[in-house]
């Protein structure tokens, strides 16, 4: 079963950060400070957690990460036009 495999094989590799009132407060303050209708509370929460953990790379296609100082992690050359 996929859920069982995920729980037994993937979850042990991750650090899960449970969100509490302090994280929410930090994220909502950032959201209000950015004053950008296109950015989400989840993005702001991600930025707060990443900064607190000194994480500089995001596994994302979301343009808001590089706009907020994070690099997008890539694992291959995206220039498909090279000879």
Protein backbone atom coordinates (compact mmCIF):
# COMPACT_ATOMS: atom_id res chain seq x y z
CA UNK A 1 0.00 0.00 0.00
CA UNK A 2 1.41 3.41 -1.00
CA UNK A 3 0.62 5.09 2.32
CA UNK A 4 2.43 2.34 4.21
CA UNK A 5 5.47 2.64 1.96
CA UNK A 6 5.50 6.41 2.33
CA UNK A 7 5.20 6.17 6.12
CA UNK A 8 7.87 3.49 6.47
CA UNK A 9 10.36 4.55 3.79
CA UNK A 10 10.06 8.30 3.23
CA UNK A 11 8.95 9.80 6.55
CA UNK A 12 12.06 8.53 8.40
CA UNK A 13 14.20 10.57 5.98
CA UNK A 14 12.38 13.82 6.71
CA UNK A 15 12.39 16.32 9.51
CA UNK A 16 8.78 17.23 10.17
CA UNK A 17 8.21 20.67 11.64
CA UNK A 18 4.82 20.91 13.28
CA UNK A 19 3.32 24.36 13.02
CA UNK A 20 2.32 26.10 16.21
CA UNK A 21 1.16 29.59 17.10
CA UNK A 22 4.67 31.03 17.03
CA UNK A 23 5.30 29.83 13.47
CA UNK A 24 1.88 31.10 12.40
CA UNK A 25 2.61 34.54 13.92
CA UNK A 26 5.95 34.78 12.14
CA UNK A 27 4.43 33.74 8.81
CA UNK A 28 1.45 36.09 9.02
CA UNK A 29 3.71 39.01 9.97
CA UNK A 30 5.85 38.29 6.93
CA UNK A 31 2.77 38.01 4.72
CA UNK A 32 1.53 41.41 5.88
CA UNK A 33 5.02 42.95 5.51
CA UNK A 34 5.37 41.67 1.92
CA UNK A 35 1.94 43.06 1.05
CA UNK A 36 1.77 40.93 -2.10
CA UNK A 37 -1.58 39.37 -3.05
CA UNK A 38 0.18 36.69 -5.10
CA UNK A 39 2.21 35.23 -2.26
CA UNK A 40 0.63 32.73 0.11
CA UNK A 41 0.76 32.22 3.85
CA UNK A 42 2.25 28.77 3.13
CA UNK A 43 5.06 30.41 1.12
CA UNK A 44 5.75 32.81 3.99
CA UNK A 45 5.78 29.95 6.46
CA UNK A 46 8.24 28.07 4.24
CA UNK A 47 10.51 31.13 4.08
CA UNK A 48 10.46 31.49 7.87
CA UNK A 49 11.30 27.83 8.45
CA UNK A 50 13.98 27.78 5.77
CA UNK A 51 15.65 30.89 7.16
CA UNK A 52 15.56 29.54 10.71
CA UNK A 53 17.21 26.29 9.51
CA UNK A 54 19.64 28.17 7.22
CA UNK A 55 18.27 26.34 4.17
CA UNK A 56 19.17 28.15 0.96
CA UNK A 57 17.82 25.78 -1.71
CA UNK A 58 14.15 25.04 -2.38
CA UNK A 59 12.73 22.05 -4.22
CA UNK A 60 10.13 24.13 -5.96
CA UNK A 61 9.01 25.62 -9.24
CA UNK A 62 7.49 28.58 -7.38
CA UNK A 63 8.98 31.90 -8.51
CA UNK A 64 8.43 33.36 -5.04
CA UNK A 65 11.35 31.40 -3.61
CA UNK A 66 14.06 33.04 -5.75
CA UNK A 67 12.28 36.38 -5.36
CA UNK A 68 12.78 35.98 -1.62
CA UNK A 69 16.44 35.02 -1.72
CA UNK A 70 16.33 31.24 -2.10
CA UNK A 71 17.87 29.25 -4.92
CA UNK A 72 15.90 26.63 -6.80
CA UNK A 73 17.55 23.20 -6.54
CA UNK A 74 18.22 21.61 -9.90
CA UNK A 75 19.75 18.24 -10.58
CA UNK A 76 20.47 18.51 -14.27
CA UNK A 77 21.31 21.09 -16.87
CA UNK A 78 18.10 22.80 -17.88
CA UNK A 79 19.62 24.26 -21.06
CA UNK A 80 18.19 21.82 -23.59
CA UNK A 81 19.63 23.75 -26.55
CA UNK A 82 23.27 22.94 -25.85
CA UNK A 83 24.99 20.91 -28.59
